[in-house]
Amino acid sequence: IAIYERGVQKVSKTSLTIVSAVWLTAA
């Protein structure tokens, strides 16, 4: 994803929020 053509796609803020909440809870 980092090196190949990806157009305008990106990770959503919702997904980043969920992942952040999960790892913060684990911490």
mmCIF file of all heavy atoms, coordinates in Angstrom:
data_MODEL
# 
_entry.id   MODEL 
# 
loop_
_atom_site.group_PDB 
_atom_site.id 
_atom_site.type_symbol 
_atom_site.label_atom_id 
_atom_site.label_alt_id 
_atom_site.label_comp_id 
_atom_site.label_asym_id 
_atom_site.label_entity_id 
_atom_site.label_seq_id 
_atom_site.pdbx_PDB_ins_code 
_atom_site.Cartn_x 
_atom_site.Cartn_y 
_atom_site.Cartn_z 
_atom_site.occupancy 
_atom_site.B_iso_or_equiv 
_atom_site.pdbx_formal_charge 
_atom_site.auth_seq_id 
_atom_site.auth_comp_id 
_atom_site.auth_asym_id 
_atom_site.auth_atom_id 
_atom_site.pdbx_PDB_model_num 
ATOM 1   N N   . ILE A 1 1  ? 0.842   -1.199 0.000   1.00 0.00 ? 1  ILE A N   1 
ATOM 2   C CA  . ILE A 1 1  ? 0.000   0.000  0.000   1.00 0.00 ? 1  ILE A CA  1 
ATOM 3   C C   . ILE A 1 1  ? 0.877   1.249  0.000   1.00 0.00 ? 1  ILE A C   1 
ATOM 4   O O   . ILE A 1 1  ? 0.582   2.231  -0.681  1.00 0.00 ? 1  ILE A O   1 
ATOM 5   C CB  . ILE A 1 1  ? -0.957  -0.006 1.211   1.00 0.00 ? 1  ILE A CB  1 
ATOM 6   C CG1 . ILE A 1 1  ? -2.048  -1.058 1.002   1.00 0.00 ? 1  ILE A CG1 1 
ATOM 7   C CG2 . ILE A 1 1  ? -1.566  1.369  1.445   1.00 0.00 ? 1  ILE A CG2 1 
ATOM 8   C CD1 . ILE A 1 1  ? -2.922  -1.308 2.221   1.00 0.00 ? 1  ILE A CD1 1 
ATOM 9   N N   . ALA A 1 2  ? 1.975   1.183  0.748   1.00 0.00 ? 2  ALA A N   1 
ATOM 10  C CA  . ALA A 1 2  ? 2.864   2.343  0.843   1.00 0.00 ? 2  ALA A CA  1 
ATOM 11  C C   . ALA A 1 2  ? 3.631   2.604  -0.449  1.00 0.00 ? 2  ALA A C   1 
ATOM 12  O O   . ALA A 1 2  ? 3.896   3.765  -0.781  1.00 0.00 ? 2  ALA A O   1 
ATOM 13  C CB  . ALA A 1 2  ? 3.846   2.154  2.002   1.00 0.00 ? 2  ALA A CB  1 
ATOM 14  N N   . ILE A 1 3  ? 3.982   1.552  -1.204  1.00 0.00 ? 3  ILE A N   1 
ATOM 15  C CA  . ILE A 1 3  ? 4.867   1.770  -2.354  1.00 0.00 ? 3  ILE A CA  1 
ATOM 16  C C   . ILE A 1 3  ? 4.180   1.708  -3.714  1.00 0.00 ? 3  ILE A C   1 
ATOM 17  O O   . ILE A 1 3  ? 4.691   2.260  -4.678  1.00 0.00 ? 3  ILE A O   1 
ATOM 18  C CB  . ILE A 1 3  ? 6.064   0.789  -2.339  1.00 0.00 ? 3  ILE A CB  1 
ATOM 19  C CG1 . ILE A 1 3  ? 5.592   -0.665 -2.445  1.00 0.00 ? 3  ILE A CG1 1 
ATOM 20  C CG2 . ILE A 1 3  ? 6.911   0.991  -1.104  1.00 0.00 ? 3  ILE A CG2 1 
ATOM 21  C CD1 . ILE A 1 3  ? 6.734   -1.662 -2.597  1.00 0.00 ? 3  ILE A CD1 1 
ATOM 22  N N   . TYR A 1 4  ? 3.027   1.049  -3.799  1.00 0.00 ? 4  TYR A N   1 
ATOM 23  C CA  . TYR A 1 4  ? 2.362   0.909  -5.096  1.00 0.00 ? 4  TYR A CA  1 
ATOM 24  C C   . TYR A 1 4  ? 1.341   2.020  -5.313  1.00 0.00 ? 4  TYR A C   1 
ATOM 25  O O   . TYR A 1 4  ? 0.912   2.688  -4.363  1.00 0.00 ? 4  TYR A O   1 
ATOM 26  C CB  . TYR A 1 4  ? 1.674   -0.450 -5.216  1.00 0.00 ? 4  TYR A CB  1 
ATOM 27  C CG  . TYR A 1 4  ? 2.611   -1.632 -5.297  1.00 0.00 ? 4  TYR A CG  1 
ATOM 28  C CD1 . TYR A 1 4  ? 2.207   -2.881 -4.886  1.00 0.00 ? 4  TYR A CD1 1 
ATOM 29  C CD2 . TYR A 1 4  ? 3.902   -1.510 -5.795  1.00 0.00 ? 4  TYR A CD2 1 
ATOM 30  C CE1 . TYR A 1 4  ? 3.045   -3.981 -4.961  1.00 0.00 ? 4  TYR A CE1 1 
ATOM 31  C CE2 . TYR A 1 4  ? 4.755   -2.605 -5.873  1.00 0.00 ? 4  TYR A CE2 1 
ATOM 32  C CZ  . TYR A 1 4  ? 4.317   -3.832 -5.454  1.00 0.00 ? 4  TYR A CZ  1 
ATOM 33  O OH  . TYR A 1 4  ? 5.153   -4.914 -5.533  1.00 0.00 ? 4  TYR A OH  1 
ATOM 34  N N   . GLU A 1 5  ? 0.921   2.134  -6.564  1.00 0.00 ? 5  GLU A N   1 
ATOM 35  C CA  . GLU A 1 5  ? -0.094  3.120  -6.920  1.00 0.00 ? 5  GLU A CA  1 
ATOM 36  C C   . GLU A 1 5  ? -1.370  2.831  -6.125  1.00 0.00 ? 5  GLU A C   1 
ATOM 37  O O   . GLU A 1 5  ? -1.837  1.706  -6.065  1.00 0.00 ? 5  GLU A O   1 
ATOM 38  C CB  . GLU A 1 5  ? -0.381  3.030  -8.423  1.00 0.00 ? 5  GLU A CB  1 
ATOM 39  C CG  . GLU A 1 5  ? -1.432  4.011  -8.880  1.00 0.00 ? 5  GLU A CG  1 
ATOM 40  C CD  . GLU A 1 5  ? -1.799  3.835  -10.340 1.00 0.00 ? 5  GLU A CD  1 
ATOM 41  O OE1 . GLU A 1 5  ? -1.190  3.001  -11.034 1.00 0.00 ? 5  GLU A OE1 1 
ATOM 42  O OE2 . GLU A 1 5  ? -2.722  4.525  -10.772 1.00 0.00 ? 5  GLU A OE2 1 
ATOM 43  N N   . ARG A 1 6  ? -1.905  3.873  -5.515  1.00 0.00 ? 6  ARG A N   1 
ATOM 44  C CA  . ARG A 1 6  ? -3.110  3.687  -4.703  1.00 0.00 ? 6  ARG A CA  1 
ATOM 45  C C   . ARG A 1 6  ? -4.219  4.677  -5.042  1.00 0.00 ? 6  ARG A C   1 
ATOM 46  O O   . ARG A 1 6  ? -5.275  4.673  -4.408  1.00 0.00 ? 6  ARG A O   1 
ATOM 47  C CB  . ARG A 1 6  ? -2.783  3.732  -3.223  1.00 0.00 ? 6  ARG A CB  1 
ATOM 48  C CG  . ARG A 1 6  ? -2.203  5.022  -2.721  1.00 0.00 ? 6  ARG A CG  1 
ATOM 49  C CD  . ARG A 1 6  ? -1.845  4.907  -1.239  1.00 0.00 ? 6  ARG A CD  1 
ATOM 50  N NE  . ARG A 1 6  ? -1.023  6.002  -0.802  1.00 0.00 ? 6  ARG A NE  1 
ATOM 51  C CZ  . ARG A 1 6  ? 0.289   6.080  -0.963  1.00 0.00 ? 6  ARG A CZ  1 
ATOM 52  N NH1 . ARG A 1 6  ? 0.936   5.113  -1.557  1.00 0.00 ? 6  ARG A NH1 1 
ATOM 53  N NH2 . ARG A 1 6  ? 0.956   7.120  -0.539  1.00 0.00 ? 6  ARG A NH2 1 
ATOM 54  N N   . GLY A 1 7  ? -3.972  5.547  -6.021  1.00 0.00 ? 7  GLY A N   1 
ATOM 55  C CA  . GLY A 1 7  ? -4.984  6.530  -6.380  1.00 0.00 ? 7  GLY A CA  1 
ATOM 56  C C   . GLY A 1 7  ? -5.244  7.468  -5.226  1.00 0.00 ? 7  GLY A C   1 
ATOM 57  O O   . GLY A 1 7  ? -4.313  7.903  -4.543  1.00 0.00 ? 7  GLY A O   1 
ATOM 58  N N   . VAL A 1 8  ? -6.513  7.760  -4.979  1.00 0.00 ? 8  VAL A N   1 
ATOM 59  C CA  . VAL A 1 8  ? -6.868  8.686  -3.899  1.00 0.00 ? 8  VAL A CA  1 
ATOM 60  C C   . VAL A 1 8  ? -7.308  7.939  -2.642  1.00 0.00 ? 8  VAL A C   1 
ATOM 61  O O   . VAL A 1 8  ? -7.780  8.552  -1.690  1.00 0.00 ? 8  VAL A O   1 
ATOM 62  C CB  . VAL A 1 8  ? -7.983  9.660  -4.356  1.00 0.00 ? 8  VAL A CB  1 
ATOM 63  C CG1 . VAL A 1 8  ? -7.483  10.555 -5.474  1.00 0.00 ? 8  VAL A CG1 1 
ATOM 64  C CG2 . VAL A 1 8  ? -9.230  8.907  -4.779  1.00 0.00 ? 8  VAL A CG2 1 
ATOM 65  N N   . GLN A 1 9  ? -7.167  6.628  -2.649  1.00 0.00 ? 9  GLN A N   1 
ATOM 66  C CA  . GLN A 1 9  ? -7.592  5.827  -1.506  1.00 0.00 ? 9  GLN A CA  1 
ATOM 67  C C   . GLN A 1 9  ? -6.739  6.114  -0.285  1.00 0.00 ? 9  GLN A C   1 
ATOM 68  O O   . GLN A 1 9  ? -5.540  6.389  -0.396  1.00 0.00 ? 9  GLN A O   1 
ATOM 69  C CB  . GLN A 1 9  ? -7.481  4.341  -1.831  1.00 0.00 ? 9  GLN A CB  1 
ATOM 70  C CG  . GLN A 1 9  ? -8.482  3.850  -2.826  1.00 0.00 ? 9  GLN A CG  1 
ATOM 71  C CD  . GLN A 1 9  ? -8.218  2.397  -3.150  1.00 0.00 ? 9  GLN A CD  1 
ATOM 72  O OE1 . GLN A 1 9  ? -7.800  2.103  -4.250  1.00 0.00 ? 9  GLN A OE1 1 
ATOM 73  N NE2 . GLN A 1 9  ? -8.436  1.507  -2.194  1.00 0.00 ? 9  GLN A NE2 1 
ATOM 74  N N   . LYS A 1 10 ? -7.377  6.006  0.872   1.00 0.00 ? 10 LYS A N   1 
ATOM 75  C CA  . LYS A 1 10 ? -6.658  6.139  2.137   1.00 0.00 ? 10 LYS A CA  1 
ATOM 76  C C   . LYS A 1 10 ? -7.438  5.404  3.226   1.00 0.00 ? 10 LYS A C   1 
ATOM 77  O O   . LYS A 1 10 ? -8.567  4.994  3.022   1.00 0.00 ? 10 LYS A O   1 
ATOM 78  C CB  . LYS A 1 10 ? -6.456  7.607  2.500   1.00 0.00 ? 10 LYS A CB  1 
ATOM 79  C CG  . LYS A 1 10 ? -7.728  8.399  2.641   1.00 0.00 ? 10 LYS A CG  1 
ATOM 80  C CD  . LYS A 1 10 ? -7.440  9.854  2.932   1.00 0.00 ? 10 LYS A CD  1 
ATOM 81  C CE  . LYS A 1 10 ? -8.766  10.607 3.062   1.00 0.00 ? 10 LYS A CE  1 
ATOM 82  N NZ  . LYS A 1 10 ? -8.555  11.988 3.410   1.00 0.00 ? 10 LYS A NZ  1 
ATOM 83  N N   . VAL A 1 11 ? -6.799  5.253  4.360   1.00 0.00 ? 11 VAL A N   1 
ATOM 84  C CA  . VAL A 1 11 ? -7.450  4.627  5.507   1.00 0.00 ? 11 VAL A CA  1 
ATOM 85  C C   . VAL A 1 11 ? -8.429  5.643  6.082   1.00 0.00 ? 11 VAL A C   1 
ATOM 86  O O   . VAL A 1 11 ? -8.090  6.812  6.262   1.00 0.00 ? 11 VAL A O   1 
ATOM 87  C CB  . VAL A 1 11 ? -6.415  4.203  6.565   1.00 0.00 ? 11 VAL A CB  1 
ATOM 88  C CG1 . VAL A 1 11 ? -7.088  3.583  7.773   1.00 0.00 ? 11 VAL A CG1 1 
ATOM 89  C CG2 . VAL A 1 11 ? -5.389  3.244  5.972   1.00 0.00 ? 11 VAL A CG2 1 
ATOM 90  N N   . SER A 1 12 ? -9.638  5.192  6.397   1.00 0.00 ? 12 SER A N   1 
ATOM 91  C CA  . SER A 1 12 ? -10.656 6.115  6.917   1.00 0.00 ? 12 SER A CA  1 
ATOM 92  C C   . SER A 1 12 ? -10.335 6.534  8.350   1.00 0.00 ? 12 SER A C   1 
ATOM 93  O O   . SER A 1 12 ? -9.669  5.812  9.098   1.00 0.00 ? 12 SER A O   1 
ATOM 94  C CB  . SER A 1 12 ? -12.037 5.473  6.869   1.00 0.00 ? 12 SER A CB  1 
ATOM 95  O OG  . SER A 1 12 ? -12.144 4.465  7.853   1.00 0.00 ? 12 SER A OG  1 
ATOM 96  N N   . LYS A 1 13 ? -10.859 7.682  8.728   1.00 0.00 ? 13 LYS A N   1 
ATOM 97  C CA  . LYS A 1 13 ? -10.691 8.170  10.098  1.00 0.00 ? 13 LYS A CA  1 
ATOM 98  C C   . LYS A 1 13 ? -11.400 7.248  11.090  1.00 0.00 ? 13 LYS A C   1 
ATOM 99  O O   . LYS A 1 13 ? -10.927 7.048  12.204  1.00 0.00 ? 13 LYS A O   1 
ATOM 100 C CB  . LYS A 1 13 ? -11.208 9.599  10.214  1.00 0.00 ? 13 LYS A CB  1 
ATOM 101 C CG  . LYS A 1 13 ? -10.349 10.599 9.489   1.00 0.00 ? 13 LYS A CG  1 
ATOM 102 C CD  . LYS A 1 13 ? -10.879 12.006 9.601   1.00 0.00 ? 13 LYS A CD  1 
ATOM 103 C CE  . LYS A 1 13 ? -9.984  12.932 8.784   1.00 0.00 ? 13 LYS A CE  1 
ATOM 104 N NZ  . LYS A 1 13 ? -10.490 14.291 8.753   1.00 0.00 ? 13 LYS A NZ  1 
ATOM 105 N N   . THR A 1 14 ? -12.506 6.681  10.657  1.00 0.00 ? 14 THR A N   1 
ATOM 106 C CA  . THR A 1 14 ? -13.232 5.751  11.527  1.00 0.00 ? 14 THR A CA  1 
ATOM 107 C C   . THR A 1 14 ? -12.368 4.537  11.859  1.00 0.00 ? 14 THR A C   1 
ATOM 108 O O   . THR A 1 14 ? -12.263 4.128  13.022  1.00 0.00 ? 14 THR A O   1 
ATOM 109 C CB  . THR A 1 14 ? -14.538 5.287  10.842  1.00 0.00 ? 14 THR A CB  1 
ATOM 110 O OG1 . THR A 1 14 ? -15.328 6.429  10.528  1.00 0.00 ? 14 THR A OG1 1 
ATOM 111 C CG2 . THR A 1 14 ? -15.317 4.340  11.730  1.00 0.00 ? 14 THR A CG2 1 
ATOM 112 N N   . SER A 1 15 ? -11.738 3.982  10.856  1.00 0.00 ? 15 SER A N   1 
ATOM 113 C CA  . SER A 1 15 ? -10.873 2.823  11.062  1.00 0.00 ? 15 SER A CA  1 
ATOM 114 C C   . SER A 1 15 ? -9.685  3.178  11.957  1.00 0.00 ? 15 SER A C   1 
ATOM 115 O O   . SER A 1 15 ? -9.344  2.421  12.869  1.00 0.00 ? 15 SER A O   1 
ATOM 116 C CB  . SER A 1 15 ? -10.388 2.294  9.714   1.00 0.00 ? 15 SER A CB  1 
ATOM 117 O OG  . SER A 1 15 ? -9.606  1.152  9.889   1.00 0.00 ? 15 SER A OG  1 
ATOM 118 N N   . LEU A 1 16 ? -9.064  4.304  11.696  1.00 0.00 ? 16 LEU A N   1 
ATOM 119 C CA  . LEU A 1 16 ? -7.932  4.737  12.529  1.00 0.00 ? 16 LEU A CA  1 
ATOM 120 C C   . LEU A 1 16 ? -8.375  4.979  13.974  1.00 0.00 ? 16 LEU A C   1 
ATOM 121 O O   . LEU A 1 16 ? -7.631  4.661  14.915  1.00 0.00 ? 16 LEU A O   1 
ATOM 122 C CB  . LEU A 1 16 ? -7.290  5.988  11.947  1.00 0.00 ? 16 LEU A CB  1 
ATOM 123 C CG  . LEU A 1 16 ? -6.524  5.786  10.641  1.00 0.00 ? 16 LEU A CG  1 
ATOM 124 C CD1 . LEU A 1 16 ? -6.052  7.132  10.083  1.00 0.00 ? 16 LEU A CD1 1 
ATOM 125 C CD2 . LEU A 1 16 ? -5.357  4.847  10.836  1.00 0.00 ? 16 LEU A CD2 1 
ATOM 126 N N   . THR A 1 17 ? -9.575  5.502  14.160  1.00 0.00 ? 17 THR A N   1 
ATOM 127 C CA  . THR A 1 17 ? -10.106 5.725  15.506  1.00 0.00 ? 17 THR A CA  1 
ATOM 128 C C   . THR A 1 17 ? -10.329 4.400  16.228  1.00 0.00 ? 17 THR A C   1 
ATOM 129 O O   . THR A 1 17 ? -9.969  4.247  17.401  1.00 0.00 ? 17 THR A O   1 
ATOM 130 C CB  . THR A 1 17 ? -11.433 6.524  15.437  1.00 0.00 ? 17 THR A CB  1 
ATOM 131 O OG1 . THR A 1 17 ? -11.182 7.763  14.787  1.00 0.00 ? 17 THR A OG1 1 
ATOM 132 C CG2 . THR A 1 17 ? -12.007 6.761  16.819  1.00 0.00 ? 17 THR A CG2 1 
ATOM 133 N N   . ILE A 1 18 ? -10.896 3.440  15.522  1.00 0.00 ? 18 ILE A N   1 
ATOM 134 C CA  . ILE A 1 18 ? -11.144 2.116  16.123  1.00 0.00 ? 18 ILE A CA  1 
ATOM 135 C C   . ILE A 1 18 ? -9.824  1.458  16.522  1.00 0.00 ? 18 ILE A C   1 
ATOM 136 O O   . ILE A 1 18 ? -9.672  0.965  17.649  1.00 0.00 ? 18 ILE A O   1 
ATOM 137 C CB  . ILE A 1 18 ? -11.931 1.220  15.156  1.00 0.00 ? 18 ILE A CB  1 
ATOM 138 C CG1 . ILE A 1 18 ? -13.362 1.736  15.005  1.00 0.00 ? 18 ILE A CG1 1 
ATOM 139 C CG2 . ILE A 1 18 ? -11.924 -0.236 15.623  1.00 0.00 ? 18 ILE A CG2 1 
ATOM 140 C CD1 . ILE A 1 18 ? -14.138 1.089  13.864  1.00 0.00 ? 18 ILE A CD1 1 
ATOM 141 N N   . VAL A 1 19 ? -8.857  1.453  15.618  1.00 0.00 ? 19 VAL A N   1 
ATOM 142 C CA  . VAL A 1 19 ? -7.558  0.830  15.898  1.00 0.00 ? 19 VAL A CA  1 
ATOM 143 C C   . VAL A 1 19 ? -6.864  1.540  17.057  1.00 0.00 ? 19 VAL A C   1 
ATOM 144 O O   . VAL A 1 19 ? -6.310  0.893  17.958  1.00 0.00 ? 19 VAL A O   1 
ATOM 145 C CB  . VAL A 1 19 ? -6.682  0.815  14.626  1.00 0.00 ? 19 VAL A CB  1 
ATOM 146 C CG1 . VAL A 1 19 ? -5.251  0.445  14.948  1.00 0.00 ? 19 VAL A CG1 1 
ATOM 147 C CG2 . VAL A 1 19 ? -7.265  -0.140 13.599  1.00 0.00 ? 19 VAL A CG2 1 
ATOM 148 N N   . SER A 1 20 ? -6.910  2.853  17.067  1.00 0.00 ? 20 SER A N   1 
ATOM 149 C CA  . SER A 1 20 ? -6.296  3.611  18.165  1.00 0.00 ? 20 SER A CA  1 
ATOM 150 C C   . SER A 1 20 ? -6.961  3.290  19.497  1.00 0.00 ? 20 SER A C   1 
ATOM 151 O O   . SER A 1 20 ? -6.283  3.107  20.514  1.00 0.00 ? 20 SER A O   1 
ATOM 152 C CB  . SER A 1 20 ? -6.388  5.114  17.895  1.00 0.00 ? 20 SER A CB  1 
ATOM 153 O OG  . SER A 1 20 ? -5.688  5.450  16.727  1.00 0.00 ? 20 SER A OG  1 
ATOM 154 N N   . ALA A 1 21 ? -8.293  3.217  19.496  1.00 0.00 ? 21 ALA A N   1 
ATOM 155 C CA  . ALA A 1 21 ? -9.022  2.895  20.732  1.00 0.00 ? 21 ALA A CA  1 
ATOM 156 C C   . ALA A 1 21 ? -8.678  1.496  21.227  1.00 0.00 ? 21 ALA A C   1 
ATOM 157 O O   . ALA A 1 21 ? -8.490  1.278  22.432  1.00 0.00 ? 21 ALA A O   1 
ATOM 158 C CB  . ALA A 1 21 ? -10.526 3.027  20.502  1.00 0.00 ? 21 ALA A CB  1 
ATOM 159 N N   . VAL A 1 22 ? -8.559  0.548  20.304  1.00 0.00 ? 22 VAL A N   1 
ATOM 160 C CA  . VAL A 1 22 ? -8.228  -0.831 20.687  1.00 0.00 ? 22 VAL A CA  1 
ATOM 161 C C   . VAL A 1 22 ? -6.848  -0.885 21.340  1.00 0.00 ? 22 VAL A C   1 
ATOM 162 O O   . VAL A 1 22 ? -6.680  -1.477 22.415  1.00 0.00 ? 22 VAL A O   1 
ATOM 163 C CB  . VAL A 1 22 ? -8.292  -1.764 19.452  1.00 0.00 ? 22 VAL A CB  1 
ATOM 164 C CG1 . VAL A 1 22 ? -7.613  -3.095 19.727  1.00 0.00 ? 22 VAL A CG1 1 
ATOM 165 C CG2 . VAL A 1 22 ? -9.730  -1.968 19.018  1.00 0.00 ? 22 VAL A CG2 1 
ATOM 166 N N   . TRP A 1 23 ? -5.848  -0.278 20.724  1.00 0.00 ? 23 TRP A N   1 
ATOM 167 C CA  . TRP A 1 23 ? -4.497  -0.352 21.265  1.00 0.00 ? 23 TRP A CA  1 
ATOM 168 C C   . TRP A 1 23 ? -4.324  0.503  22.520  1.00 0.00 ? 23 TRP A C   1 
ATOM 169 O O   . TRP A 1 23 ? -3.561  0.149  23.425  1.00 0.00 ? 23 TRP A O   1 
ATOM 170 C CB  . TRP A 1 23 ? -3.450  -0.027 20.204  1.00 0.00 ? 23 TRP A CB  1 
ATOM 171 C CG  . TRP A 1 23 ? -3.370  -1.138 19.209  1.00 0.00 ? 23 TRP A CG  1 
ATOM 172 C CD1 . TRP A 1 23 ? -3.749  -1.108 17.901  1.00 0.00 ? 23 TRP A CD1 1 
ATOM 173 C CD2 . TRP A 1 23 ? -2.933  -2.483 19.453  1.00 0.00 ? 23 TRP A CD2 1 
ATOM 174 N NE1 . TRP A 1 23 ? -3.568  -2.344 17.321  1.00 0.00 ? 23 TRP A NE1 1 
ATOM 175 C CE2 . TRP A 1 23 ? -3.070  -3.202 18.245  1.00 0.00 ? 23 TRP A CE2 1 
ATOM 176 C CE3 . TRP A 1 23 ? -2.446  -3.157 20.563  1.00 0.00 ? 23 TRP A CE3 1 
ATOM 177 C CZ2 . TRP A 1 23 ? -2.733  -4.553 18.119  1.00 0.00 ? 23 TRP A CZ2 1 
ATOM 178 C CZ3 . TRP A 1 23 ? -2.108  -4.499 20.446  1.00 0.00 ? 23 TRP A CZ3 1 
ATOM 179 C CH2 . TRP A 1 23 ? -2.247  -5.178 19.244  1.00 0.00 ? 23 TRP A CH2 1 
ATOM 180 N N   . LEU A 1 24 ? -5.076  1.605  22.624  1.00 0.00 ? 24 LEU A N   1 
ATOM 181 C CA  . LEU A 1 24 ? -5.053  2.401  23.851  1.00 0.00 ? 24 LEU A CA  1 
ATOM 182 C C   . LEU A 1 24 ? -5.667  1.607  25.001  1.00 0.00 ? 24 LEU A C   1 
ATOM 183 O O   . LEU A 1 24 ? -5.125  1.590  26.113  1.00 0.00 ? 24 LEU A O   1 
ATOM 184 C CB  . LEU A 1 24 ? -5.805  3.723  23.645  1.00 0.00 ? 24 LEU A CB  1 
ATOM 185 C CG  . LEU A 1 24 ? -5.874  4.639  24.864  1.00 0.00 ? 24 LEU A CG  1 
ATOM 186 C CD1 . LEU A 1 24 ? -4.462  5.071  25.296  1.00 0.00 ? 24 LEU A CD1 1 
ATOM 187 C CD2 . LEU A 1 24 ? -6.724  5.861  24.562  1.00 0.00 ? 24 LEU A CD2 1 
ATOM 188 N N   . THR A 1 25 ? -6.768  0.925  24.731  1.00 0.00 ? 25 THR A N   1 
ATOM 189 C CA  . THR A 1 25 ? -7.386  0.071  25.744  1.00 0.00 ? 25 THR A CA  1 
ATOM 190 C C   . THR A 1 25 ? -6.430  -1.039 26.178  1.00 0.00 ? 25 THR A C   1 
ATOM 191 O O   . THR A 1 25 ? -6.297  -1.331 27.375  1.00 0.00 ? 25 THR A O   1 
ATOM 192 C CB  . THR A 1 25 ? -8.695  -0.543 25.206  1.00 0.00 ? 25 THR A CB  1 
ATOM 193 O OG1 . THR A 1 25 ? -9.578  0.513  24.837  1.00 0.00 ? 25 THR A OG1 1 
ATOM 194 C CG2 . THR A 1 25 ? -9.353  -1.443 26.227  1.00 0.00 ? 25 THR A CG2 1 
ATOM 195 N N   . ALA A 1 26 ? -5.751  -1.647 25.220  1.00 0.00 ? 26 ALA A N   1 
ATOM 196 C CA  . ALA A 1 26 ? -4.783  -2.702 25.551  1.00 0.00 ? 26 ALA A CA  1 
ATOM 197 C C   . ALA A 1 26 ? -3.652  -2.147 26.418  1.00 0.00 ? 26 ALA A C   1 
ATOM 198 O O   . ALA A 1 26 ? -3.210  -2.799 27.374  1.00 0.00 ? 26 ALA A O   1 
ATOM 199 C CB  . ALA A 1 26 ? -4.225  -3.323 24.277  1.00 0.00 ? 26 ALA A CB  1 
ATOM 200 N N   . ALA A 1 27 ? -3.187  -0.946 26.102  1.00 0.00 ? 27 ALA A N   1 
ATOM 201 C CA  . ALA A 1 27 ? -2.112  -0.324 26.894  1.00 0.00 ? 27 ALA A CA  1 
ATOM 202 C C   . ALA A 1 27 ? -2.578  -0.038 28.321  1.00 0.00 ? 27 ALA A C   1 
ATOM 203 O O   . ALA A 1 27 ? -1.853  -0.303 29.290  1.00 0.00 ? 27 ALA A O   1 
ATOM 204 C CB  . ALA A 1 27 ? -1.638  0.956  26.215  1.00 0.00 ? 27 ALA A CB  1 
# 
